[in-house]
Amino acid sequence: MSREVILETPEDTRAFGRRLGRLLRAGDVVVLTGDLGAGKTTLTQGLAEGLGVRGPITSPTFVIARVHPSVVGGPALVHVDAYRLGSAVELDDLDLDADLDLSVTVIEWGAGMSEQLSEQRLGITLTGEEVRTARLDAVGPRWERLSDSALASI
């Protein structure tokens, strides 16, 4: 499944994230790709709002990963920034798979190194400067089972 969404403003990006966050469940992996300033962290802030986790949500560039516990009884958000990692081996060293089934894992800059975490994942590529396009690429039965109407709602 592949779908594109036009995001005209940063608030559109955050609102898109909120809608998507409401669909996410424990065990979901979301891989975000895009240039610096493309809106990956803004999208993650919206995902966090939709999930109902404790913030603030900031880019974990220097700490690599942050865990944001739920404040509504849902899954925690594990927010990873793989920008400074050199390989899938370094990502594996974070032991993200230890709690993968209990949380929603969002990996910025994870394309090409995070695919081994789960056979089911949602890739989102953000492109554009002022008006952005979010391209969703869903992999695995979890995403195939989501109805077209559920995906259209995001």
C-alpha atoms as a PDB file:
ATOM      1  CA  MET A   1       0.000   0.000   0.000  1.00  0.00           C
ATOM      2  CA  SER A   2       1.279   3.416  -0.889  1.00  0.00           C
ATOM      3  CA  ARG A   3      -0.458   6.745  -0.416  1.00  0.00           C
ATOM      4  CA  GLU A   4       0.474  10.434  -0.573  1.00  0.00           C
ATOM      5  CA  VAL A   5      -0.812  13.257   1.612  1.00  0.00           C
ATOM      6  CA  ILE A   6      -0.213  16.968   0.966  1.00  0.00           C
ATOM      7  CA  LEU A   7       0.749  18.953   4.078  1.00  0.00           C
ATOM      8  CA  GLU A   8       0.627  22.697   3.482  1.00  0.00           C
ATOM      9  CA  THR A   9       1.741  23.908   6.924  1.00  0.00           C
ATOM     10  CA  PRO A  10       3.567  22.604   9.990  1.00  0.00           C
ATOM     11  CA  GLU A  11       0.173  22.444  11.741  1.00  0.00           C
ATOM     12  CA  ASP A  12      -1.116  20.230   8.905  1.00  0.00           C
ATOM     13  CA  THR A  13       1.884  17.967   9.541  1.00  0.00           C
ATOM     14  CA  ARG A  14       1.135  17.828  13.270  1.00  0.00           C
ATOM     15  CA  ALA A  15      -2.591  17.204  12.639  1.00  0.00           C
ATOM     16  CA  PHE A  16      -1.736  14.396  10.205  1.00  0.00           C
ATOM     17  CA  GLY A  17       0.450  12.902  12.927  1.00  0.00           C
ATOM     18  CA  ARG A  18      -2.390  13.147  15.472  1.00  0.00           C
ATOM     19  CA  ARG A  19      -4.760  11.290  13.152  1.00  0.00           C
ATOM     20  CA  LEU A  20      -2.188   8.611  12.430  1.00  0.00           C
ATOM     21  CA  GLY A  21      -1.284   8.355  16.115  1.00  0.00           C
ATOM     22  CA  ARG A  22      -4.855   7.365  16.918  1.00  0.00           C
ATOM     23  CA  LEU A  23      -4.478   4.349  14.579  1.00  0.00           C
ATOM     24  CA  LEU A  24      -1.182   3.148  16.022  1.00  0.00           C
ATOM     25  CA  ARG A  25      -0.927   0.323  18.530  1.00  0.00           C
ATOM     26  CA  ALA A  26       1.756  -1.462  20.519  1.00  0.00           C
ATOM     27  CA  GLY A  27       4.221  -3.191  18.208  1.00  0.00           C
ATOM     28  CA  ASP A  28       3.903  -0.684  15.371  1.00  0.00           C
ATOM     29  CA  VAL A  29       7.102   0.624  13.785  1.00  0.00           C
ATOM     30  CA  VAL A  30       7.094   3.906  11.852  1.00  0.00           C
ATOM     31  CA  VAL A  31      10.195   4.869   9.870  1.00  0.00           C
ATOM     32  CA  LEU A  32      10.488   8.563   8.961  1.00  0.00           C
ATOM     33  CA  THR A  33      12.647   9.780   6.105  1.00  0.00           C
ATOM     34  CA  GLY A  34      13.273  13.301   4.854  1.00  0.00           C
ATOM     35  CA  ASP A  35      15.873  16.026   4.646  1.00  0.00           C
ATOM     36  CA  LEU A  36      16.840  18.189   7.622  1.00  0.00           C
ATOM     37  CA  GLY A  37      13.863  20.392   8.425  1.00  0.00           C
ATOM     38  CA  ALA A  38      11.419  18.234   6.462  1.00  0.00           C
ATOM     39  CA  GLY A  39       9.060  17.893   9.440  1.00  0.00           C
ATOM     40  CA  LYS A  40       9.973  14.513  10.912  1.00  0.00           C
ATOM     41  CA  THR A  41       9.961  15.750  14.505  1.00  0.00           C
ATOM     42  CA  THR A  42       6.828  17.842  13.913  1.00  0.00           C
ATOM     43  CA  LEU A  43       5.102  14.722  12.604  1.00  0.00           C
ATOM     44  CA  THR A  44       6.323  12.775  15.654  1.00  0.00           C
ATOM     45  CA  GLN A  45       4.895  15.472  17.942  1.00  0.00           C
ATOM     46  CA  GLY A  46       1.510  14.884  16.325  1.00  0.00           C
ATOM     47  CA  LEU A  47       1.895  11.108  16.639  1.00  0.00           C
ATOM     48  CA  ALA A  48       2.622  11.588  20.339  1.00  0.00           C
ATOM     49  CA  GLU A  49      -0.498  13.712  20.784  1.00  0.00           C
ATOM     50  CA  GLY A  50      -2.592  11.066  19.027  1.00  0.00           C
ATOM     51  CA  LEU A  51      -1.089   8.326  21.197  1.00  0.00           C
ATOM     52  CA  GLY A  52      -1.521  10.325  24.403  1.00  0.00           C
ATOM     53  CA  VAL A  53       2.052  10.149  25.675  1.00  0.00           C
ATOM     54  CA  ARG A  54       4.001  12.431  27.966  1.00  0.00           C
ATOM     55  CA  GLY A  55       6.098  15.107  26.277  1.00  0.00           C
ATOM     56  CA  PRO A  56       7.720  17.297  25.325  1.00  0.00           C
ATOM     57  CA  ILE A  57       8.685  15.630  22.063  1.00  0.00           C
ATOM     58  CA  THR A  58      12.004  16.932  20.780  1.00  0.00           C
ATOM     59  CA  SER A  59      14.495  15.471  18.363  1.00  0.00           C
ATOM     60  CA  PRO A  60      16.614  12.897  20.231  1.00  0.00           C
ATOM     61  CA  THR A  61      19.629  13.584  17.990  1.00  0.00           C
ATOM     62  CA  PHE A  62      22.236  13.486  20.752  1.00  0.00           C
ATOM     63  CA  VAL A  63      20.609  10.974  23.105  1.00  0.00           C
ATOM     64  CA  ILE A  64      19.617   8.762  20.123  1.00  0.00           C
ATOM     65  CA  ALA A  65      16.396   7.445  21.751  1.00  0.00           C
ATOM     66  CA  ARG A  66      13.766   8.649  24.221  1.00  0.00           C
ATOM     67  CA  VAL A  67      10.861   6.767  25.753  1.00  0.00           C
ATOM     68  CA  HIS A  68       7.625   8.709  26.315  1.00  0.00           C
ATOM     69  CA  PRO A  69       5.212   6.820  28.589  1.00  0.00           C
ATOM     70  CA  SER A  70       1.491   6.898  27.961  1.00  0.00           C
ATOM     71  CA  VAL A  71      -0.692   9.126  30.101  1.00  0.00           C
ATOM     72  CA  VAL A  72      -3.888   7.404  28.892  1.00  0.00           C
ATOM     73  CA  GLY A  73      -3.077   3.730  29.447  1.00  0.00           C
ATOM     74  CA  GLY A  74      -1.867   3.066  25.906  1.00  0.00           C
ATOM     75  CA  PRO A  75       1.530   2.089  24.564  1.00  0.00           C
ATOM     76  CA  ALA A  76       4.644   4.155  25.187  1.00  0.00           C
ATOM     77  CA  LEU A  77       6.322   5.974  22.321  1.00  0.00           C
ATOM     78  CA  VAL A  78       9.966   5.117  21.654  1.00  0.00           C
ATOM     79  CA  HIS A  79      11.349   7.988  19.584  1.00  0.00           C
ATOM     80  CA  VAL A  80      14.673   7.219  17.896  1.00  0.00           C
ATOM     81  CA  ASP A  81      16.914   9.487  15.843  1.00  0.00           C
ATOM     82  CA  ALA A  82      19.249   7.308  13.778  1.00  0.00           C
ATOM     83  CA  TYR A  83      20.972  10.292  12.120  1.00  0.00           C
ATOM     84  CA  ARG A  84      24.233   9.761  14.019  1.00  0.00           C
ATOM     85  CA  LEU A  85      24.196   5.979  13.688  1.00  0.00           C
ATOM     86  CA  GLY A  86      26.419   4.447  11.056  1.00  0.00           C
ATOM     87  CA  SER A  87      24.751   1.097  10.500  1.00  0.00           C
ATOM     88  CA  ALA A  88      21.995  -1.350  11.326  1.00  0.00           C
ATOM     89  CA  VAL A  89      24.408  -2.938  13.816  1.00  0.00           C
ATOM     90  CA  GLU A  90      24.554   0.315  15.802  1.00  0.00           C
ATOM     91  CA  LEU A  91      20.758   0.538  15.732  1.00  0.00           C
ATOM     92  CA  ASP A  92      20.577  -3.079  16.904  1.00  0.00           C
ATOM     93  CA  ASP A  93      22.878  -2.171  19.819  1.00  0.00           C
ATOM     94  CA  LEU A  94      20.057   0.004  21.193  1.00  0.00           C
ATOM     95  CA  ASP A  95      18.033  -3.191  21.906  1.00  0.00           C
ATOM     96  CA  LEU A  96      14.863  -1.634  20.543  1.00  0.00           C
ATOM     97  CA  ASP A  97      13.474  -5.085  19.844  1.00  0.00           C
ATOM     98  CA  ALA A  98      13.395  -5.834  23.597  1.00  0.00           C
ATOM     99  CA  ASP A  99      10.269  -3.683  24.069  1.00  0.00           C
ATOM    100  CA  LEU A 100       9.075  -3.533  20.471  1.00  0.00           C
ATOM    101  CA  ASP A 101       5.812  -5.382  21.150  1.00  0.00           C
ATOM    102  CA  LEU A 102       4.940  -3.081  24.076  1.00  0.00           C
ATOM    103  CA  SER A 103       5.445   0.294  22.427  1.00  0.00           C
ATOM    104  CA  VAL A 104       5.088   2.296  19.244  1.00  0.00           C
ATOM    105  CA  THR A 105       8.565   2.858  17.806  1.00  0.00           C
ATOM    106  CA  VAL A 106       9.228   5.877  15.576  1.00  0.00           C
ATOM    107  CA  ILE A 107      12.637   6.031  13.925  1.00  0.00           C
ATOM    108  CA  GLU A 108      13.782   9.226  12.233  1.00  0.00           C
ATOM    109  CA  TRP A 109      16.491   8.663   9.614  1.00  0.00           C
ATOM    110  CA  GLY A 110      15.915   4.907   9.919  1.00  0.00           C
ATOM    111  CA  ALA A 111      15.542   3.904   6.261  1.00  0.00           C
ATOM    112  CA  GLY A 112      18.117   1.349   5.249  1.00  0.00           C
ATOM    113  CA  MET A 113      18.934   0.296   8.803  1.00  0.00           C
ATOM    114  CA  SER A 114      15.684  -0.278  10.701  1.00  0.00           C
ATOM    115  CA  GLU A 115      13.929  -2.724   8.401  1.00  0.00           C
ATOM    116  CA  GLN A 116      15.192  -5.723  10.400  1.00  0.00           C
ATOM    117  CA  LEU A 117      13.201  -4.591  13.444  1.00  0.00           C
ATOM    118  CA  SER A 118       9.861  -5.646  12.036  1.00  0.00           C
ATOM    119  CA  GLU A 119       8.397  -7.274   8.958  1.00  0.00           C
ATOM    120  CA  GLN A 120       5.473  -4.902   9.436  1.00  0.00           C
ATOM    121  CA  ARG A 121       6.170  -1.202   9.342  1.00  0.00           C
ATOM    122  CA  LEU A 122       4.953   2.085   7.985  1.00  0.00           C
ATOM    123  CA  GLY A 123       7.493   4.165   6.105  1.00  0.00           C
ATOM    124  CA  ILE A 124       6.780   7.859   5.727  1.00  0.00           C
ATOM    125  CA  THR A 125       8.910   9.995   3.439  1.00  0.00           C
ATOM    126  CA  LEU A 126       8.528  13.758   3.770  1.00  0.00           C
ATOM    127  CA  THR A 127       9.527  15.892   0.788  1.00  0.00           C
ATOM    128  CA  GLY A 128       9.110  19.521  -0.213  1.00  0.00           C
ATOM    129  CA  GLU A 129      10.102  22.783   1.372  1.00  0.00           C
ATOM    130  CA  GLU A 130       7.077  24.958   1.991  1.00  0.00           C
ATOM    131  CA  VAL A 131       4.309  22.569   1.012  1.00  0.00           C
ATOM    132  CA  ARG A 132       5.264  19.039   1.958  1.00  0.00           C
ATOM    133  CA  THR A 133       4.204  15.672   0.668  1.00  0.00           C
ATOM    134  CA  ALA A 134       4.076  12.675   2.992  1.00  0.00           C
ATOM    135  CA  ARG A 135       4.393   9.398   1.113  1.00  0.00           C
ATOM    136  CA  LEU A 136       3.196   6.426   3.128  1.00  0.00           C
ATOM    137  CA  ASP A 137       4.615   3.025   2.248  1.00  0.00           C
ATOM    138  CA  ALA A 138       3.039   0.231   4.266  1.00  0.00           C
ATOM    139  CA  VAL A 139       4.730  -3.139   4.632  1.00  0.00           C
ATOM    140  CA  GLY A 140       3.134  -6.250   6.095  1.00  0.00           C
ATOM    141  CA  PRO A 141      -0.257  -7.676   6.992  1.00  0.00           C
ATOM    142  CA  ARG A 142      -0.884  -5.236   9.874  1.00  0.00           C
ATOM    143  CA  TRP A 143      -1.091  -2.387   7.417  1.00  0.00           C
ATOM    144  CA  GLU A 144      -2.797  -4.383   4.678  1.00  0.00           C
ATOM    145  CA  ARG A 145      -5.649  -5.171   7.105  1.00  0.00           C
ATOM    146  CA  LEU A 146      -6.351  -1.513   7.752  1.00  0.00           C
ATOM    147  CA  SER A 147      -9.315  -0.540   5.662  1.00  0.00           C
ATOM    148  CA  ASP A 148      -8.983   2.021   2.920  1.00  0.00           C
ATOM    149  CA  SER A 149     -11.385   4.241   4.857  1.00  0.00           C
ATOM    150  CA  ALA A 150      -9.119   4.134   7.935  1.00  0.00           C
ATOM    151  CA  LEU A 151      -6.119   5.084   5.820  1.00  0.00           C
ATOM    152  CA  ALA A 152      -8.105   7.752   3.988  1.00  0.00           C
ATOM    153  CA  SER A 153      -8.933   9.318   7.369  1.00  0.00           C
ATOM    154  CA  ILE A 154      -5.307  10.157   7.918  1.00  0.00           C
END
